[in-house]
Amino acid sequence: MRDFVEYLRAYRAYVSANLGWSKALTVALAWLAAMFAPLAAKMLVELPNWVAITWMIGWALLGYIFAPYGMWKHHRTQTASLSKAGSSKSSRQ
């Protein structure tokens, strides 16, 4: 549970520093709307169930794959800056 809390803190720091909360919320709502787009389309057009199910599973998988990218980028930048600071301190000693 402590790792999850740490993840949420890092996510909050990433969003605050890079995106802003309004942009993050807009992206999250757009992703959610696209996730359920087949249900809305089914009300207007006759779609086979497999099309809607395939779309929703594919969209969820894309979200699962690309969601950690921003966190990874933030962590990589943070690690690089820490290693630079550590190497400059060790070279001075």
PDB file of N, CA and C in Angstrom:
ATOM      1  N   MET A   1       0.818  -1.189   0.000  1.00  0.00           N
ATOM      2  CA  MET A   1       0.000   0.000   0.000  1.00  0.00           C
ATOM      3  C   MET A   1       0.866   1.258   0.000  1.00  0.00           C
ATOM      4  N   ARG A   2       2.013   1.161   0.645  1.00  0.00           N
ATOM      5  CA  ARG A   2       2.905   2.322   0.705  1.00  0.00           C
ATOM      6  C   ARG A   2       3.422   2.671  -0.684  1.00  0.00           C
ATOM      7  N   ASP A   3       3.666   1.652  -1.520  1.00  0.00           N
ATOM      8  CA  ASP A   3       4.116   1.902  -2.888  1.00  0.00           C
ATOM      9  C   ASP A   3       3.054   2.645  -3.688  1.00  0.00           C
ATOM     10  N   PHE A   4       1.789   2.283  -3.476  1.00  0.00           N
ATOM     11  CA  PHE A   4       0.701   2.943  -4.183  1.00  0.00           C
ATOM     12  C   PHE A   4       0.607   4.414  -3.783  1.00  0.00           C
ATOM     13  N   VAL A   5       0.766   4.693  -2.501  1.00  0.00           N
ATOM     14  CA  VAL A   5       0.732   6.086  -2.030  1.00  0.00           C
ATOM     15  C   VAL A   5       1.901   6.863  -2.625  1.00  0.00           C
ATOM     16  N   GLU A   6       3.067   6.219  -2.693  1.00  0.00           N
ATOM     17  CA  GLU A   6       4.237   6.857  -3.302  1.00  0.00           C
ATOM     18  C   GLU A   6       4.004   7.117  -4.789  1.00  0.00           C
ATOM     19  N   TYR A   7       3.367   6.153  -5.472  1.00  0.00           N
ATOM     20  CA  TYR A   7       3.026   6.323  -6.882  1.00  0.00           C
ATOM     21  C   TYR A   7       2.102   7.518  -7.066  1.00  0.00           C
ATOM     22  N   LEU A   8       1.088   7.639  -6.218  1.00  0.00           N
ATOM     23  CA  LEU A   8       0.154   8.755  -6.329  1.00  0.00           C
ATOM     24  C   LEU A   8       0.835  10.089  -6.074  1.00  0.00           C
ATOM     25  N   ARG A   9       1.766  10.121  -5.135  1.00  0.00           N
ATOM     26  CA  ARG A   9       2.530  11.365  -4.892  1.00  0.00           C
ATOM     27  C   ARG A   9       3.368  11.742  -6.110  1.00  0.00           C
ATOM     28  N   ALA A  10       4.020  10.745  -6.689  1.00  0.00           N
ATOM     29  CA  ALA A  10       4.839  11.013  -7.878  1.00  0.00           C
ATOM     30  C   ALA A  10       3.969  11.449  -9.048  1.00  0.00           C
ATOM     31  N   TYR A  11       2.796  10.840  -9.184  1.00  0.00           N
ATOM     32  CA  TYR A  11       1.882  11.226 -10.262  1.00  0.00           C
ATOM     33  C   TYR A  11       1.407  12.659 -10.061  1.00  0.00           C
ATOM     34  N   ARG A  12       1.070  13.008  -8.826  1.00  0.00           N
ATOM     35  CA  ARG A  12       0.633  14.380  -8.531  1.00  0.00           C
ATOM     36  C   ARG A  12       1.752  15.379  -8.859  1.00  0.00           C
ATOM     37  N   ALA A  13       2.983  15.031  -8.497  1.00  0.00           N
ATOM     38  CA  ALA A  13       4.110  15.921  -8.788  1.00  0.00           C
ATOM     39  C   ALA A  13       4.324  16.051 -10.295  1.00  0.00           C
ATOM     40  N   TYR A  14       4.192  14.942 -11.012  1.00  0.00           N
ATOM     41  CA  TYR A  14       4.371  14.970 -12.470  1.00  0.00           C
ATOM     42  C   TYR A  14       3.306  15.836 -13.128  1.00  0.00           C
ATOM     43  N   VAL A  15       2.052  15.640 -12.754  1.00  0.00           N
ATOM     44  CA  VAL A  15       0.964  16.410 -13.357  1.00  0.00           C
ATOM     45  C   VAL A  15       1.114  17.889 -13.018  1.00  0.00           C
ATOM     46  N   SER A  16       1.423  18.198 -11.772  1.00  0.00           N
ATOM     47  CA  SER A  16       1.574  19.600 -11.374  1.00  0.00           C
ATOM     48  C   SER A  16       2.723  20.276 -12.104  1.00  0.00           C
ATOM     49  N   ALA A  17       3.823  19.549 -12.296  1.00  0.00           N
ATOM     50  CA  ALA A  17       5.005  20.152 -12.919  1.00  0.00           C
ATOM     51  C   ALA A  17       4.916  20.220 -14.434  1.00  0.00           C
ATOM     52  N   ASN A  18       4.237  19.264 -15.059  1.00  0.00           N
ATOM     53  CA  ASN A  18       4.300  19.177 -16.518  1.00  0.00           C
ATOM     54  C   ASN A  18       2.995  19.473 -17.244  1.00  0.00           C
ATOM     55  N   LEU A  19       1.890  18.969 -16.763  1.00  0.00           N
ATOM     56  CA  LEU A  19       0.648  19.075 -17.528  1.00  0.00           C
ATOM     57  C   LEU A  19      -0.292  20.151 -17.019  1.00  0.00           C
ATOM     58  N   GLY A  20      -0.504  20.182 -15.756  1.00  0.00           N
ATOM     59  CA  GLY A  20      -1.559  21.009 -15.185  1.00  0.00           C
ATOM     60  C   GLY A  20      -2.796  20.143 -15.012  1.00  0.00           C
ATOM     61  N   TRP A  21      -3.578  20.431 -13.989  1.00  0.00           N
ATOM     62  CA  TRP A  21      -4.710  19.572 -13.661  1.00  0.00           C
ATOM     63  C   TRP A  21      -5.814  19.640 -14.683  1.00  0.00           C
ATOM     64  N   SER A  22      -6.048  20.780 -15.297  1.00  0.00           N
ATOM     65  CA  SER A  22      -7.142  20.875 -16.278  1.00  0.00           C
ATOM     66  C   SER A  22      -6.831  20.032 -17.514  1.00  0.00           C
ATOM     67  N   LYS A  23      -5.591  20.063 -17.969  1.00  0.00           N
ATOM     68  CA  LYS A  23      -5.215  19.253 -19.134  1.00  0.00           C
ATOM     69  C   LYS A  23      -5.267  17.762 -18.797  1.00  0.00           C
ATOM     70  N   ALA A  24      -4.814  17.384 -17.608  1.00  0.00           N
ATOM     71  CA  ALA A  24      -4.854  15.983 -17.204  1.00  0.00           C
ATOM     72  C   ALA A  24      -6.286  15.482 -17.105  1.00  0.00           C
ATOM     73  N   LEU A  25      -7.182  16.306 -16.573  1.00  0.00           N
ATOM     74  CA  LEU A  25      -8.586  15.923 -16.469  1.00  0.00           C
ATOM     75  C   LEU A  25      -9.234  15.823 -17.848  1.00  0.00           C
ATOM     76  N   THR A  26      -8.899  16.736 -18.741  1.00  0.00           N
ATOM     77  CA  THR A  26      -9.427  16.699 -20.103  1.00  0.00           C
ATOM     78  C   THR A  26      -9.000  15.422 -20.815  1.00  0.00           C
ATOM     79  N   VAL A  27      -7.738  15.055 -20.684  1.00  0.00           N
ATOM     80  CA  VAL A  27      -7.238  13.841 -21.326  1.00  0.00           C
ATOM     81  C   VAL A  27      -7.922  12.612 -20.728  1.00  0.00           C
ATOM     82  N   ALA A  28      -8.082  12.581 -19.421  1.00  0.00           N
ATOM     83  CA  ALA A  28      -8.734  11.436 -18.769  1.00  0.00           C
ATOM     84  C   ALA A  28     -10.188  11.299 -19.214  1.00  0.00           C
ATOM     85  N   LEU A  29     -10.904  12.410 -19.319  1.00  0.00           N
ATOM     86  CA  LEU A  29     -12.299  12.356 -19.761  1.00  0.00           C
ATOM     87  C   LEU A  29     -12.411  11.967 -21.229  1.00  0.00           C
ATOM     88  N   ALA A  30     -11.493  12.447 -22.064  1.00  0.00           N
ATOM     89  CA  ALA A  30     -11.497  12.058 -23.477  1.00  0.00           C
ATOM     90  C   ALA A  30     -11.212  10.565 -23.619  1.00  0.00           C
ATOM     91  N   TRP A  31     -10.271  10.049 -22.832  1.00  0.00           N
ATOM     92  CA  TRP A  31      -9.973   8.618 -22.878  1.00  0.00           C
ATOM     93  C   TRP A  31     -11.183   7.802 -22.447  1.00  0.00           C
ATOM     94  N   LEU A  32     -11.863   8.246 -21.396  1.00  0.00           N
ATOM     95  CA  LEU A  32     -13.036   7.540 -20.903  1.00  0.00           C
ATOM     96  C   LEU A  32     -14.172   7.580 -21.927  1.00  0.00           C
ATOM     97  N   ALA A  33     -14.363   8.716 -22.574  1.00  0.00           N
ATOM     98  CA  ALA A  33     -15.408   8.827 -23.600  1.00  0.00           C
ATOM     99  C   ALA A  33     -15.111   7.903 -24.779  1.00  0.00           C
ATOM    100  N   ALA A  34     -13.847   7.840 -25.194  1.00  0.00           N
ATOM    101  CA  ALA A  34     -13.486   6.962 -26.303  1.00  0.00           C
ATOM    102  C   ALA A  34     -13.628   5.494 -25.913  1.00  0.00           C
ATOM    103  N   MET A  35     -13.425   5.196 -24.650  1.00  0.00           N
ATOM    104  CA  MET A  35     -13.567   3.813 -24.170  1.00  0.00           C
ATOM    105  C   MET A  35     -14.989   3.320 -24.377  1.00  0.00           C
ATOM    106  N   PHE A  36     -15.954   4.183 -24.089  1.00  0.00           N
ATOM    107  CA  PHE A  36     -17.351   3.790 -24.182  1.00  0.00           C
ATOM    108  C   PHE A  36     -18.040   4.278 -25.457  1.00  0.00           C
ATOM    109  N   ALA A  37     -17.282   4.726 -26.435  1.00  0.00           N
ATOM    110  CA  ALA A  37     -17.850   5.181 -27.708  1.00  0.00           C
ATOM    111  C   ALA A  37     -18.686   4.106 -28.397  1.00  0.00           C
ATOM    112  N   PRO A  38     -18.287   2.831 -28.374  1.00  0.00           N
ATOM    113  CA  PRO A  38     -19.120   1.817 -29.030  1.00  0.00           C
ATOM    114  C   PRO A  38     -20.519   1.698 -28.422  1.00  0.00           C
ATOM    115  N   LEU A  39     -20.655   1.938 -27.132  1.00  0.00           N
ATOM    116  CA  LEU A  39     -21.984   1.878 -26.528  1.00  0.00           C
ATOM    117  C   LEU A  39     -22.868   2.995 -27.065  1.00  0.00           C
ATOM    118  N   ALA A  40     -22.298   4.177 -27.230  1.00  0.00           N
ATOM    119  CA  ALA A  40     -23.057   5.291 -27.804  1.00  0.00           C
ATOM    120  C   ALA A  40     -23.372   5.021 -29.272  1.00  0.00           C
ATOM    121  N   ALA A  41     -22.412   4.454 -30.005  1.00  0.00           N
ATOM    122  CA  ALA A  41     -22.633   4.143 -31.419  1.00  0.00           C
ATOM    123  C   ALA A  41     -23.699   3.071 -31.586  1.00  0.00           C
ATOM    124  N   LYS A  42     -23.763   2.144 -30.629  1.00  0.00           N
ATOM    125  CA  LYS A  42     -24.768   1.076 -30.708  1.00  0.00           C
ATOM    126  C   LYS A  42     -26.186   1.609 -30.586  1.00  0.00           C
ATOM    127  N   MET A  43     -26.338   2.742 -29.932  1.00  0.00           N
ATOM    128  CA  MET A  43     -27.672   3.337 -29.831  1.00  0.00           C
ATOM    129  C   MET A  43     -28.112   3.913 -31.170  1.00  0.00           C
ATOM    130  N   LEU A  44     -27.160   4.335 -31.976  1.00  0.00           N
ATOM    131  CA  LEU A  44     -27.488   4.965 -33.256  1.00  0.00           C
ATOM    132  C   LEU A  44     -27.441   3.991 -34.432  1.00  0.00           C
ATOM    133  N   VAL A  45     -26.515   3.050 -34.380  1.00  0.00           N
ATOM    134  CA  VAL A  45     -26.281   2.139 -35.508  1.00  0.00           C
ATOM    135  C   VAL A  45     -26.242   0.710 -34.973  1.00  0.00           C
ATOM    136  N   GLU A  46     -26.698  -0.224 -35.773  1.00  0.00           N
ATOM    137  CA  GLU A  46     -26.630  -1.634 -35.393  1.00  0.00           C
ATOM    138  C   GLU A  46     -25.192  -2.120 -35.522  1.00  0.00           C
ATOM    139  N   LEU A  47     -24.596  -2.498 -34.404  1.00  0.00           N
ATOM    140  CA  LEU A  47     -23.232  -3.028 -34.391  1.00  0.00           C
ATOM    141  C   LEU A  47     -23.248  -4.425 -33.778  1.00  0.00           C
ATOM    142  N   PRO A  48     -22.447  -5.306 -34.312  1.00  0.00           N
ATOM    143  CA  PRO A  48     -22.331  -6.610 -33.648  1.00  0.00           C
ATOM    144  C   PRO A  48     -21.627  -6.435 -32.292  1.00  0.00           C
ATOM    145  N   ASN A  49     -21.942  -7.300 -31.361  1.00  0.00           N
ATOM    146  CA  ASN A  49     -21.353  -7.201 -30.023  1.00  0.00           C
ATOM    147  C   ASN A  49     -19.840  -7.338 -30.053  1.00  0.00           C
ATOM    148  N   TRP A  50     -19.316  -8.148 -30.961  1.00  0.00           N
ATOM    149  CA  TRP A  50     -17.870  -8.371 -30.974  1.00  0.00           C
ATOM    150  C   TRP A  50     -17.116  -7.101 -31.351  1.00  0.00           C
ATOM    151  N   VAL A  51     -17.726  -6.219 -32.128  1.00  0.00           N
ATOM    152  CA  VAL A  51     -17.053  -4.962 -32.497  1.00  0.00           C
ATOM    153  C   VAL A  51     -16.893  -4.081 -31.258  1.00  0.00           C
ATOM    154  N   ALA A  52     -17.964  -3.955 -30.506  1.00  0.00           N
ATOM    155  CA  ALA A  52     -17.910  -3.119 -29.308  1.00  0.00           C
ATOM    156  C   ALA A  52     -16.947  -3.703 -28.277  1.00  0.00           C
ATOM    157  N   ILE A  53     -17.009  -5.003 -28.090  1.00  0.00           N
ATOM    158  CA  ILE A  53     -16.138  -5.646 -27.107  1.00  0.00           C
ATOM    159  C   ILE A  53     -14.677  -5.533 -27.522  1.00  0.00           C
ATOM    160  N   THR A  54     -14.390  -5.754 -28.792  1.00  0.00           N
ATOM    161  CA  THR A  54     -13.018  -5.640 -29.290  1.00  0.00           C
ATOM    162  C   THR A  54     -12.487  -4.224 -29.123  1.00  0.00           C
ATOM    163  N   TRP A  55     -13.317  -3.240 -29.452  1.00  0.00           N
ATOM    164  CA  TRP A  55     -12.909  -1.844 -29.300  1.00  0.00           C
ATOM    165  C   TRP A  55     -12.582  -1.529 -27.844  1.00  0.00           C
ATOM    166  N   MET A  56     -13.435  -1.930 -26.943  1.00  0.00           N
ATOM    167  CA  MET A  56     -13.246  -1.592 -25.533  1.00  0.00           C
ATOM    168  C   MET A  56     -12.024  -2.300 -24.952  1.00  0.00           C
ATOM    169  N   ILE A  57     -11.814  -3.535 -25.328  1.00  0.00           N
ATOM    170  CA  ILE A  57     -10.632  -4.256 -24.849  1.00  0.00           C
ATOM    171  C   ILE A  57      -9.364  -3.633 -25.430  1.00  0.00           C
ATOM    172  N   GLY A  58      -9.373  -3.327 -26.711  1.00  0.00           N
ATOM    173  CA  GLY A  58      -8.211  -2.699 -27.346  1.00  0.00           C
ATOM    174  C   GLY A  58      -7.887  -1.342 -26.748  1.00  0.00           C
ATOM    175  N   TRP A  59      -8.917  -0.553 -26.500  1.00  0.00           N
ATOM    176  CA  TRP A  59      -8.714   0.779 -25.914  1.00  0.00           C
ATOM    177  C   TRP A  59      -8.160   0.676 -24.500  1.00  0.00           C
ATOM    178  N   ALA A  60      -8.674  -0.291 -23.731  1.00  0.00           N
ATOM    179  CA  ALA A  60      -8.173  -0.496 -22.371  1.00  0.00           C
ATOM    180  C   ALA A  60      -6.712  -0.944 -22.395  1.00  0.00           C
ATOM    181  N   LEU A  61      -6.360  -1.817 -23.325  1.00  0.00           N
ATOM    182  CA  LEU A  61      -4.970  -2.261 -23.432  1.00  0.00           C
ATOM    183  C   LEU A  61      -4.046  -1.109 -23.810  1.00  0.00           C
ATOM    184  N   LEU A  62      -4.478  -0.257 -24.714  1.00  0.00           N
ATOM    185  CA  LEU A  62      -3.663   0.911 -25.063  1.00  0.00           C
ATOM    186  C   LEU A  62      -3.459   1.819 -23.850  1.00  0.00           C
ATOM    187  N   GLY A  63      -4.509   2.026 -23.096  1.00  0.00           N
ATOM    188  CA  GLY A  63      -4.386   2.835 -21.879  1.00  0.00           C
ATOM    189  C   GLY A  63      -3.443   2.195 -20.875  1.00  0.00           C
ATOM    190  N   TYR A  64      -3.518   0.883 -20.759  1.00  0.00           N
ATOM    191  CA  TYR A  64      -2.661   0.162 -19.823  1.00  0.00           C
ATOM    192  C   TYR A  64      -1.199   0.231 -20.250  1.00  0.00           C
ATOM    193  N   ILE A  65      -0.960   0.223 -21.543  1.00  0.00           N
ATOM    194  CA  ILE A  65       0.415   0.271 -22.055  1.00  0.00           C
ATOM    195  C   ILE A  65       0.996   1.676 -21.954  1.00  0.00           C
ATOM    196  N   PHE A  66       0.219   2.695 -22.337  1.00  0.00           N
ATOM    197  CA  PHE A  66       0.765   4.043 -22.426  1.00  0.00           C
ATOM    198  C   PHE A  66       0.622   4.875 -21.158  1.00  0.00           C
ATOM    199  N   ALA A  67      -0.199   4.477 -20.215  1.00  0.00           N
ATOM    200  CA  ALA A  67      -0.385   5.269 -18.995  1.00  0.00           C
ATOM    201  C   ALA A  67       0.905   5.443 -18.198  1.00  0.00           C
ATOM    202  N   PRO A  68       1.711   4.399 -18.025  1.00  0.00           N
ATOM    203  CA  PRO A  68       2.929   4.565 -17.226  1.00  0.00           C
ATOM    204  C   PRO A  68       4.033   5.357 -17.929  1.00  0.00           C
ATOM    205  N   TYR A  69       3.863   5.706 -19.207  1.00  0.00           N
ATOM    206  CA  TYR A  69       4.922   6.388 -19.947  1.00  0.00           C
ATOM    207  C   TYR A  69       5.309   7.711 -19.303  1.00  0.00           C
ATOM    208  N   GLY A  70       4.325   8.508 -18.913  1.00  0.00           N
ATOM    209  CA  GLY A  70       4.624   9.798 -18.288  1.00  0.00           C
ATOM    210  C   GLY A  70       5.360   9.636 -16.981  1.00  0.00           C
ATOM    211  N   MET A  71       4.950   8.657 -16.199  1.00  0.00           N
ATOM    212  CA  MET A  71       5.636   8.400 -14.931  1.00  0.00           C
ATOM    213  C   MET A  71       7.062   7.923 -15.173  1.00  0.00           C
ATOM    214  N   TRP A  72       7.237   7.067 -16.172  1.00  0.00           N
ATOM    215  CA  TRP A  72       8.582   6.569 -16.494  1.00  0.00           C
ATOM    216  C   TRP A  72       9.480   7.725 -16.917  1.00  0.00           C
ATOM    217  N   LYS A  73       8.942   8.621 -17.741  1.00  0.00           N
ATOM    218  CA  LYS A  73       9.711   9.773 -18.202  1.00  0.00           C
ATOM    219  C   LYS A  73      10.116  10.658 -17.024  1.00  0.00           C
ATOM    220  N   HIS A  74       9.184  10.896 -16.133  1.00  0.00           N
ATOM    221  CA  HIS A  74       9.462  11.714 -14.955  1.00  0.00           C
ATOM    222  C   HIS A  74      10.526  11.043 -14.086  1.00  0.00           C
ATOM    223  N   HIS A  75      10.398   9.754 -13.872  1.00  0.00           N
ATOM    224  CA  HIS A  75      11.355   9.019 -13.041  1.00  0.00           C
ATOM    225  C   HIS A  75      12.744   9.009 -13.684  1.00  0.00           C
ATOM    226  N   ARG A  76      12.798   8.831 -15.000  1.00  0.00           N
ATOM    227  CA  ARG A  76      14.079   8.827 -15.712  1.00  0.00           C
ATOM    228  C   ARG A  76      14.779  10.166 -15.572  1.00  0.00           C
ATOM    229  N   THR A  77      14.034  11.266 -15.705  1.00  0.00           N
ATOM    230  CA  THR A  77      14.605  12.598 -15.560  1.00  0.00           C
ATOM    231  C   THR A  77      15.095  12.827 -14.137  1.00  0.00           C
ATOM    232  N   GLN A  78      14.300  12.385 -13.177  1.00  0.00           N
ATOM    233  CA  GLN A  78      14.671  12.542 -11.770  1.00  0.00           C
ATOM    234  C   GLN A  78      15.930  11.729 -11.454  1.00  0.00           C
ATOM    235  N   THR A  79      16.006  10.506 -11.941  1.00  0.00           N
ATOM    236  CA  THR A  79      17.165   9.653 -11.708  1.00  0.00           C
ATOM    237  C   THR A  79      18.416  10.241 -12.359  1.00  0.00           C
ATOM    238  N   ALA A  80      18.267  10.773 -13.578  1.00  0.00           N
ATOM    239  CA  ALA A  80      19.407  11.363 -14.270  1.00  0.00           C
ATOM    240  C   ALA A  80      19.935  12.582 -13.514  1.00  0.00           C
ATOM    241  N   SER A  81      19.038  13.393 -12.999  1.00  0.00           N
ATOM    242  CA  SER A  81      19.492  14.582 -12.263  1.00  0.00           C
ATOM    243  C   SER A  81      20.158  14.185 -10.947  1.00  0.00           C
ATOM    244  N   LEU A  82      19.655  13.130 -10.306  1.00  0.00           N
ATOM    245  CA  LEU A  82      20.287  12.660  -9.068  1.00  0.00           C
ATOM    246  C   LEU A  82      21.668  12.059  -9.337  1.00  0.00           C
ATOM    247  N   SER A  83      21.787  11.322 -10.437  1.00  0.00           N
ATOM    248  CA  SER A  83      23.091  10.726 -10.745  1.00  0.00           C
ATOM    249  C   SER A  83      24.105  11.800 -11.154  1.00  0.00           C
ATOM    250  N   LYS A  84      23.653  12.853 -11.819  1.00  0.00           N
ATOM    251  CA  LYS A  84      24.548  13.963 -12.150  1.00  0.00           C
ATOM    252  C   LYS A  84      25.041  14.645 -10.886  1.00  0.00           C
ATOM    253  N   ALA A  85      24.110  14.879  -9.971  1.00  0.00           N
ATOM    254  CA  ALA A  85      24.474  15.538  -8.703  1.00  0.00           C
ATOM    255  C   ALA A  85      25.415  14.658  -7.910  1.00  0.00           C
ATOM    256  N   GLY A  86      25.181  13.356  -7.923  1.00  0.00           N
ATOM    257  CA  GLY A  86      26.068  12.426  -7.205  1.00  0.00           C
ATOM    258  C   GLY A  86      27.441  12.337  -7.823  1.00  0.00           C
ATOM    259  N   SER A  87      27.520  12.350  -9.157  1.00  0.00           N
ATOM    260  CA  SER A  87      28.828  12.254  -9.804  1.00  0.00           C
ATOM    261  C   SER A  87      29.614  13.548  -9.655  1.00  0.00           C
ATOM    262  N   SER A  88      28.942  14.690  -9.612  1.00  0.00           N
ATOM    263  CA  SER A  88      29.672  15.943  -9.428  1.00  0.00           C
ATOM    264  C   SER A  88      30.199  16.066  -7.995  1.00  0.00           C
ATOM    265  N   LYS A  89      29.455  15.524  -7.028  1.00  0.00           N
ATOM    266  CA  LYS A  89      29.927  15.540  -5.642  1.00  0.00           C
ATOM    267  C   LYS A  89      31.122  14.609  -5.469  1.00  0.00           C
ATOM    268  N   SER A  90      31.066  13.428  -6.102  1.00  0.00           N
ATOM    269  CA  SER A  90      32.163  12.479  -5.940  1.00  0.00           C
ATOM    270  C   SER A  90      33.420  12.942  -6.665  1.00  0.00           C
ATOM    271  N   SER A  91      33.262  13.711  -7.735  1.00  0.00           N
ATOM    272  CA  SER A  91      34.450  14.202  -8.452  1.00  0.00           C
ATOM    273  C   SER A  91      35.136  15.320  -7.675  1.00  0.00           C
ATOM    274  N   ARG A  92      34.381  16.017  -6.811  1.00  0.00           N
ATOM    275  CA  ARG A  92      34.975  17.087  -6.022  1.00  0.00           C
ATOM    276  C   ARG A  92      35.767  16.541  -4.840  1.00  0.00           C
ATOM    277  N   GLN A  93      35.432  15.348  -4.382  1.00  0.00           N
ATOM    278  CA  GLN A  93      36.101  14.813  -3.188  1.00  0.00           C
ATOM    279  C   GLN A  93      37.402  14.240  -3.500  1.00  0.00           C
TER     280      GLN A  93
END
